[in-house]
C-alpha atoms as a PDB file:
ATOM      1  CA  MET A   1      30.566  90.999 129.296  1.00  0.00           C
ATOM      2  CA  THR A   2      33.482  90.360 127.206  1.00  0.00           C
ATOM      3  CA  PRO A   3      36.672  89.418 128.265  1.00  0.00           C
ATOM      4  CA  THR A   4      38.313  92.802 128.254  1.00  0.00           C
ATOM      5  CA  ASP A   5      35.525  94.134 130.707  1.00  0.00           C
ATOM      6  CA  ARG A   6      36.418  92.008 133.190  1.00  0.00           C
ATOM      7  CA  ASP A   7      38.805  93.049 136.012  1.00  0.00           C
ATOM      8  CA  LEU A   8      41.336  90.965 137.965  1.00  0.00           C
ATOM      9  CA  ALA A   9      39.610  91.507 141.266  1.00  0.00           C
ATOM     10  CA  GLU A  10      37.385  88.885 140.314  1.00  0.00           C
ATOM     11  CA  TYR A  11      39.974  86.387 141.018  1.00  0.00           C
ATOM     12  CA  TRP A  12      42.521  88.516 143.258  1.00  0.00           C
ATOM     13  CA  PRO A  13      39.434  90.541 145.054  1.00  0.00           C
ATOM     14  CA  VAL A  14      41.860  92.649 147.498  1.00  0.00           C
ATOM     15  CA  PHE A  15      42.705  94.644 143.993  1.00  0.00           C
ATOM     16  CA  GLY A  16      38.886  95.848 144.462  1.00  0.00           C
ATOM     17  CA  LEU A  17      39.571  97.466 147.869  1.00  0.00           C
ATOM     18  CA  ARG A  18      39.390 101.282 147.998  1.00  0.00           C
ATOM     19  CA  LEU A  19      39.919 103.777 151.089  1.00  0.00           C
ATOM     20  CA  HIS A  20      39.006 107.237 150.540  1.00  0.00           C
ATOM     21  CA  THR A  21      39.779 110.066 152.910  1.00  0.00           C
ATOM     22  CA  PRO A  22      38.593 113.777 152.562  1.00  0.00           C
ATOM     23  CA  ARG A  23      41.574 114.437 150.119  1.00  0.00           C
ATOM     24  CA  LEU A  24      43.469 111.062 149.139  1.00  0.00           C
ATOM     25  CA  SER A  25      42.206 107.637 147.608  1.00  0.00           C
ATOM     26  CA  LEU A  26      44.224 104.592 148.657  1.00  0.00           C
ATOM     27  CA  ARG A  27      44.129 101.167 146.387  1.00  0.00           C
ATOM     28  CA  PRO A  28      46.225  98.143 146.208  1.00  0.00           C
ATOM     29  CA  LEU A  29      49.248  98.705 143.950  1.00  0.00           C
ATOM     30  CA  ARG A  30      48.532  97.144 140.594  1.00  0.00           C
ATOM     31  CA  ASP A  31      50.547  96.803 137.604  1.00  0.00           C
ATOM     32  CA  GLU A  32      48.638  99.454 135.686  1.00  0.00           C
ATOM     33  CA  ASP A  33      50.068 101.750 138.601  1.00  0.00           C
ATOM     34  CA  LEU A  34      53.767 100.702 138.373  1.00  0.00           C
ATOM     35  CA  VAL A  35      54.977 103.089 135.725  1.00  0.00           C
ATOM     36  CA  GLU A  36      53.432 105.818 137.982  1.00  0.00           C
ATOM     37  CA  THR A  37      55.025 104.689 140.913  1.00  0.00           C
ATOM     38  CA  ILE A  38      58.520 104.033 139.415  1.00  0.00           C
ATOM     39  CA  ASP A  39      58.550 107.628 137.997  1.00  0.00           C
ATOM     40  CA  LEU A  40      57.671 109.285 141.641  1.00  0.00           C
ATOM     41  CA  VAL A  41      60.171 107.068 143.343  1.00  0.00           C
ATOM     42  CA  LEU A  42      62.952 108.413 140.556  1.00  0.00           C
ATOM     43  CA  ALA A  43      62.065 112.000 140.945  1.00  0.00           C
ATOM     44  CA  GLY A  44      63.102 111.655 144.899  1.00  0.00           C
ATOM     45  CA  ILE A  45      61.438 110.501 148.100  1.00  0.00           C
ATOM     46  CA  HIS A  46      64.056 112.138 150.451  1.00  0.00           C
ATOM     47  CA  GLU A  47      67.537 114.024 149.958  1.00  0.00           C
ATOM     48  CA  PRO A  48      70.506 111.934 149.370  1.00  0.00           C
ATOM     49  CA  SER A  49      72.389 113.078 152.449  1.00  0.00           C
ATOM     50  CA  ARG A  50      69.665 111.220 154.611  1.00  0.00           C
ATOM     51  CA  MET A  51      68.237 107.494 154.561  1.00  0.00           C
ATOM     52  CA  PRO A  52      64.914 107.234 156.325  1.00  0.00           C
ATOM     53  CA  PHE A  53      64.411 103.654 155.778  1.00  0.00           C
ATOM     54  CA  ALA A  54      66.012 100.431 157.662  1.00  0.00           C
ATOM     55  CA  MET A  55      67.205  99.097 153.964  1.00  0.00           C
ATOM     56  CA  PRO A  56      68.452 102.013 152.501  1.00  0.00           C
ATOM     57  CA  TRP A  57      67.165 100.980 148.918  1.00  0.00           C
ATOM     58  CA  THR A  58      66.811 104.191 147.505  1.00  0.00           C
ATOM     59  CA  ASP A  59      70.375 104.437 147.436  1.00  0.00           C
ATOM     60  CA  ALA A  60      70.869 101.891 144.380  1.00  0.00           C
ATOM     61  CA  PRO A  61      71.796 103.287 141.063  1.00  0.00           C
ATOM     62  CA  HIS A  62      68.956 104.254 138.581  1.00  0.00           C
ATOM     63  CA  ASP A  63      68.572 100.762 136.740  1.00  0.00           C
ATOM     64  CA  GLU A  64      69.205  98.827 139.926  1.00  0.00           C
ATOM     65  CA  LEU A  65      66.579 100.995 141.742  1.00  0.00           C
ATOM     66  CA  VAL A  66      63.724 100.326 139.255  1.00  0.00           C
ATOM     67  CA  ALA A  67      64.323  96.577 139.270  1.00  0.00           C
ATOM     68  CA  ASN A  68      64.810  95.989 142.797  1.00  0.00           C
ATOM     69  CA  SER A  69      61.347  98.066 143.257  1.00  0.00           C
ATOM     70  CA  LEU A  70      59.520  96.067 140.631  1.00  0.00           C
ATOM     71  CA  ARG A  71      60.976  92.652 142.454  1.00  0.00           C
ATOM     72  CA  TYR A  72      59.948  93.895 145.723  1.00  0.00           C
ATOM     73  CA  TRP A  73      56.296  94.498 144.791  1.00  0.00           C
ATOM     74  CA  TRP A  74      55.796  91.794 142.840  1.00  0.00           C
ATOM     75  CA  THR A  75      57.330  89.334 145.083  1.00  0.00           C
ATOM     76  CA  SER A  76      55.605  91.068 148.231  1.00  0.00           C
ATOM     77  CA  ARG A  77      52.414  90.402 146.512  1.00  0.00           C
ATOM     78  CA  ALA A  78      52.954  86.978 145.676  1.00  0.00           C
ATOM     79  CA  ALA A  79      54.094  85.781 149.004  1.00  0.00           C
ATOM     80  CA  SER A  80      51.139  87.307 150.321  1.00  0.00           C
ATOM     81  CA  THR A  81      48.787  84.651 152.087  1.00  0.00           C
ATOM     82  CA  PRO A  82      45.714  84.849 154.622  1.00  0.00           C
ATOM     83  CA  ALA A  83      48.168  84.128 157.465  1.00  0.00           C
ATOM     84  CA  THR A  84      50.808  86.771 156.835  1.00  0.00           C
ATOM     85  CA  TRP A  85      49.950  89.428 154.357  1.00  0.00           C
ATOM     86  CA  ALA A  86      51.197  92.629 152.993  1.00  0.00           C
ATOM     87  CA  VAL A  87      49.236  95.260 151.189  1.00  0.00           C
ATOM     88  CA  PRO A  88      51.299  98.199 149.455  1.00  0.00           C
ATOM     89  CA  PHE A  89      48.395 100.710 148.784  1.00  0.00           C
ATOM     90  CA  LEU A  90      49.136 103.288 146.050  1.00  0.00           C
ATOM     91  CA  VAL A  91      48.139 106.891 147.516  1.00  0.00           C
ATOM     92  CA  ARG A  92      46.708 109.394 145.126  1.00  0.00           C
ATOM     93  CA  ARG A  93      45.454 113.166 145.295  1.00  0.00           C
ATOM     94  CA  ASP A  94      43.058 114.265 142.715  1.00  0.00           C
ATOM     95  CA  GLY A  95      44.315 111.583 140.547  1.00  0.00           C
ATOM     96  CA  GLU A  96      48.060 112.103 140.853  1.00  0.00           C
ATOM     97  CA  PRO A  97      50.013 109.313 142.538  1.00  0.00           C
ATOM     98  CA  VAL A  98      51.517 111.008 145.885  1.00  0.00           C
ATOM     99  CA  GLY A  99      53.358 108.059 147.842  1.00  0.00           C
ATOM    100  CA  MET A 100      53.017 104.425 149.205  1.00  0.00           C
ATOM    101  CA  GLN A 101      50.976 103.457 152.543  1.00  0.00           C
ATOM    102  CA  GLU A 102      51.917  99.912 153.214  1.00  0.00           C
ATOM    103  CA  LEU A 103      49.915  97.753 155.890  1.00  0.00           C
ATOM    104  CA  THR A 104      51.380  94.220 156.948  1.00  0.00           C
ATOM    105  CA  GLY A 105      49.986  91.635 159.315  1.00  0.00           C
ATOM    106  CA  ALA A 106      52.064  88.323 160.168  1.00  0.00           C
ATOM    107  CA  ASN A 107      49.676  85.719 162.008  1.00  0.00           C
ATOM    108  CA  PHE A 108      47.470  88.518 161.955  1.00  0.00           C
ATOM    109  CA  ALA A 109      44.175  86.042 162.583  1.00  0.00           C
ATOM    110  CA  VAL A 110      46.292  84.909 165.997  1.00  0.00           C
ATOM    111  CA  THR A 111      48.121  88.175 166.907  1.00  0.00           C
ATOM    112  CA  ARG A 112      45.894  91.052 165.630  1.00  0.00           C
ATOM    113  CA  VAL A 113      49.014  93.153 165.082  1.00  0.00           C
ATOM    114  CA  VAL A 114      49.349  95.335 162.267  1.00  0.00           C
ATOM    115  CA  ALA A 115      52.365  97.475 160.972  1.00  0.00           C
ATOM    116  CA  THR A 116      52.664 100.307 158.542  1.00  0.00           C
ATOM    117  CA  GLY A 117      55.114 101.825 156.712  1.00  0.00           C
ATOM    118  CA  SER A 118      55.148 104.548 154.111  1.00  0.00           C
ATOM    119  CA  TRP A 119      56.868 107.125 151.706  1.00  0.00           C
ATOM    120  CA  LEU A 120      55.945 110.344 149.960  1.00  0.00           C
ATOM    121  CA  GLY A 121      57.281 111.928 147.277  1.00  0.00           C
ATOM    122  CA  LEU A 122      59.409 114.733 147.950  1.00  0.00           C
ATOM    123  CA  ALA A 123      57.115 117.326 145.971  1.00  0.00           C
ATOM    124  CA  HIS A 124      54.293 116.021 148.274  1.00  0.00           C
ATOM    125  CA  GLN A 125      55.588 116.214 151.748  1.00  0.00           C
ATOM    126  CA  GLY A 126      54.732 119.000 154.375  1.00  0.00           C
ATOM    127  CA  ARG A 127      51.440 118.938 153.418  1.00  0.00           C
ATOM    128  CA  GLY A 128      50.030 116.521 156.228  1.00  0.00           C
ATOM    129  CA  ILE A 129      49.330 114.416 153.467  1.00  0.00           C
ATOM    130  CA  GLY A 130      51.364 111.600 155.243  1.00  0.00           C
ATOM    131  CA  SER A 131      48.932 111.525 158.483  1.00  0.00           C
ATOM    132  CA  GLU A 132      46.086 111.484 156.704  1.00  0.00           C
ATOM    133  CA  MET A 133      46.967 108.137 154.543  1.00  0.00           C
ATOM    134  CA  ARG A 134      48.422 106.710 157.813  1.00  0.00           C
ATOM    135  CA  ALA A 135      45.386 107.650 159.645  1.00  0.00           C
ATOM    136  CA  ALA A 136      43.204 106.029 156.587  1.00  0.00           C
ATOM    137  CA  VAL A 137      44.945 102.656 157.254  1.00  0.00           C
ATOM    138  CA  LEU A 138      44.705 102.552 161.121  1.00  0.00           C
ATOM    139  CA  GLN A 139      40.898 103.125 160.833  1.00  0.00           C
ATOM    140  CA  PHE A 140      40.693 100.273 158.241  1.00  0.00           C
ATOM    141  CA  ALA A 141      42.990  98.185 160.696  1.00  0.00           C
ATOM    142  CA  PHE A 142      41.290  98.914 164.070  1.00  0.00           C
ATOM    143  CA  ASP A 143      37.305  99.032 162.376  1.00  0.00           C
ATOM    144  CA  GLN A 144      37.362  96.400 159.217  1.00  0.00           C
ATOM    145  CA  LEU A 145      39.986  94.090 160.513  1.00  0.00           C
ATOM    146  CA  GLY A 146      39.659  94.378 164.182  1.00  0.00           C
ATOM    147  CA  ALA A 147      43.218  94.876 164.867  1.00  0.00           C
ATOM    148  CA  GLY A 148      44.170  95.266 168.455  1.00  0.00           C
ATOM    149  CA  ARG A 149      47.401  96.861 167.905  1.00  0.00           C
ATOM    150  CA  ALA A 150      49.490  98.556 165.057  1.00  0.00           C
ATOM    151  CA  ASP A 151      53.353  98.775 165.350  1.00  0.00           C
ATOM    152  CA  SER A 152      55.320 101.379 163.615  1.00  0.00           C
ATOM    153  CA  GLY A 153      58.779 103.158 163.970  1.00  0.00           C
ATOM    154  CA  ALA A 154      61.318 105.932 162.648  1.00  0.00           C
ATOM    155  CA  PHE A 155      64.927 106.700 163.008  1.00  0.00           C
ATOM    156  CA  THR A 156      65.498 109.424 165.818  1.00  0.00           C
ATOM    157  CA  ASP A 157      66.675 111.629 163.067  1.00  0.00           C
ATOM    158  CA  ASN A 158      63.406 111.695 161.071  1.00  0.00           C
ATOM    159  CA  PRO A 159      61.373 113.605 163.302  1.00  0.00           C
ATOM    160  CA  ALA A 160      58.757 114.419 160.732  1.00  0.00           C
ATOM    161  CA  SER A 161      57.865 110.644 160.922  1.00  0.00           C
ATOM    162  CA  LEU A 162      57.834 110.524 164.785  1.00  0.00           C
ATOM    163  CA  ARG A 163      55.684 113.583 164.892  1.00  0.00           C
ATOM    164  CA  VAL A 164      52.833 111.906 162.826  1.00  0.00           C
ATOM    165  CA  SER A 165      52.973 108.847 165.256  1.00  0.00           C
ATOM    166  CA  GLU A 166      52.952 111.130 168.505  1.00  0.00           C
ATOM    167  CA  LYS A 167      49.862 113.056 166.854  1.00  0.00           C
ATOM    168  CA  LEU A 168      48.075 109.724 166.024  1.00  0.00           C
ATOM    169  CA  GLY A 169      48.675 108.600 169.708  1.00  0.00           C
ATOM    170  CA  TYR A 170      51.404 106.190 169.466  1.00  0.00           C
ATOM    171  CA  VAL A 171      53.552 105.539 172.931  1.00  0.00           C
ATOM    172  CA  PRO A 172      57.404 104.868 172.678  1.00  0.00           C
ATOM    173  CA  ASP A 173      57.747 100.563 172.421  1.00  0.00           C
ATOM    174  CA  GLY A 174      61.478 100.755 172.722  1.00  0.00           C
ATOM    175  CA  THR A 175      64.672 101.136 170.288  1.00  0.00           C
ATOM    176  CA  VAL A 176      66.863  99.169 167.828  1.00  0.00           C
ATOM    177  CA  VAL A 177      70.377 100.244 167.055  1.00  0.00           C
ATOM    178  CA  VAL A 178      70.872  98.948 163.421  1.00  0.00           C
ATOM    179  CA  GLN A 179      73.632  99.616 160.453  1.00  0.00           C
ATOM    180  CA  ARG A 180      71.728 101.896 158.147  1.00  0.00           C
ATOM    181  CA  ARG A 181      74.177 102.221 155.858  1.00  0.00           C
ATOM    182  CA  PRO A 182      77.734 100.870 155.655  1.00  0.00           C
ATOM    183  CA  GLY A 183      79.490 101.776 158.379  1.00  0.00           C
ATOM    184  CA  GLU A 184      76.333 104.092 159.580  1.00  0.00           C
ATOM    185  CA  ARG A 185      74.690 103.416 163.216  1.00  0.00           C
ATOM    186  CA  ALA A 186      71.337 104.745 163.432  1.00  0.00           C
ATOM    187  CA  VAL A 187      68.555 104.466 166.559  1.00  0.00           C
ATOM    188  CA  GLU A 188      65.102 103.228 165.569  1.00  0.00           C
ATOM    189  CA  GLN A 189      62.431 104.261 167.878  1.00  0.00           C
ATOM    190  CA  ARG A 190      59.600 101.952 167.853  1.00  0.00           C
ATOM    191  CA  VAL A 191      56.322 102.957 168.513  1.00  0.00           C
ATOM    192  CA  ARG A 192      52.917 101.295 169.006  1.00  0.00           C
ATOM    193  CA  LEU A 193      49.159 102.395 169.057  1.00  0.00           C
ATOM    194  CA  THR A 194      46.013 100.403 170.202  1.00  0.00           C
ATOM    195  CA  PRO A 195      42.328 101.366 169.437  1.00  0.00           C
ATOM    196  CA  GLU A 196      41.719 102.781 172.660  1.00  0.00           C
ATOM    197  CA  ALA A 197      44.869 105.263 172.478  1.00  0.00           C
ATOM    198  CA  PHE A 198      44.067 105.962 168.394  1.00  0.00           C
ATOM    199  CA  ARG A 199      43.606 110.112 168.127  1.00  0.00           C
ATOM    200  CA  ARG A 200      41.016 109.728 165.418  1.00  0.00           C
ATOM    201  CA  PRO A 201      41.126 112.612 162.867  1.00  0.00           C
ATOM    202  CA  ASP A 202      37.702 114.560 162.263  1.00  0.00           C
ATOM    203  CA  TRP A 203      36.669 112.441 159.640  1.00  0.00           C
ATOM    204  CA  ALA A 204      35.933 108.863 158.966  1.00  0.00           C
ATOM    205  CA  VAL A 205      37.536 106.850 156.097  1.00  0.00           C
ATOM    206  CA  ARG A 206      35.121 105.426 153.481  1.00  0.00           C
ATOM    207  CA  VAL A 207      35.836 102.098 152.681  1.00  0.00           C
ATOM    208  CA  SER A 208      34.488  99.845 149.560  1.00  0.00           C
ATOM    209  CA  GLY A 209      35.433  96.483 148.505  1.00  0.00           C
ATOM    210  CA  PHE A 210      35.952  94.876 151.617  1.00  0.00           C
ATOM    211  CA  GLU A 211      33.686  92.351 152.053  1.00  0.00           C
ATOM    212  CA  ALA A 212      34.929  90.640 148.930  1.00  0.00           C
ATOM    213  CA  CYS A 213      38.168  90.483 150.147  1.00  0.00           C
ATOM    214  CA  ARG A 214      38.341  89.494 153.995  1.00  0.00           C
ATOM    215  CA  GLY A 215      39.749  86.151 153.068  1.00  0.00           C
ATOM    216  CA  HIS A 216      42.873  87.908 152.055  1.00  0.00           C
ATOM    217  CA  PHE A 217      43.368  89.160 155.439  1.00  0.00           C
ATOM    218  CA  GLY A 218      42.551  85.827 157.266  1.00  0.00           C
ATOM    219  CA  LEU A 219      39.075  86.656 158.555  1.00  0.00           C
END
């Protein structure tokens, strides 16, 4: 084997993790994915008149949006430890990137609580992809990681995201009032899910590469 045949997963094993659903493949974001991911962001994630994110990162001008996105993904990776970790999965359908599904855990070995966040390119919305990719990471969290709870949330004016949560079995867990954009008040509905309440799809996620990266999750 020559040096060019080797893969960084040898030293950063989470890069070898793969989740597969009937239509989608999810793998932790790697540098070679960044050009396609930035292109997807720049093509649009939401209509400019609405803001689904608590931090309005997509409002930044083009150059700032690109630089800020790269900094966020690189910083998130560098800050991940077995105690507190974040895994941004790039989601592909038929090889084409369609969105991002993040799974995070803070003091996970003790709390056994994960959180999820996601976005989809505008061109890929309304096709059930959001439900499928979140169901994939929830199965991984409950079945492989042994999570006891999954937290999420969405603004009350983002009914599509809240419908995904309801469909999967989440229950309300209070609200938070925030400033979303300068001078704009918004209410976030928090939701939570347990393994017992999880409404599993009629398919099981296929996981590969997990045993090599168990330590990444503090297990």
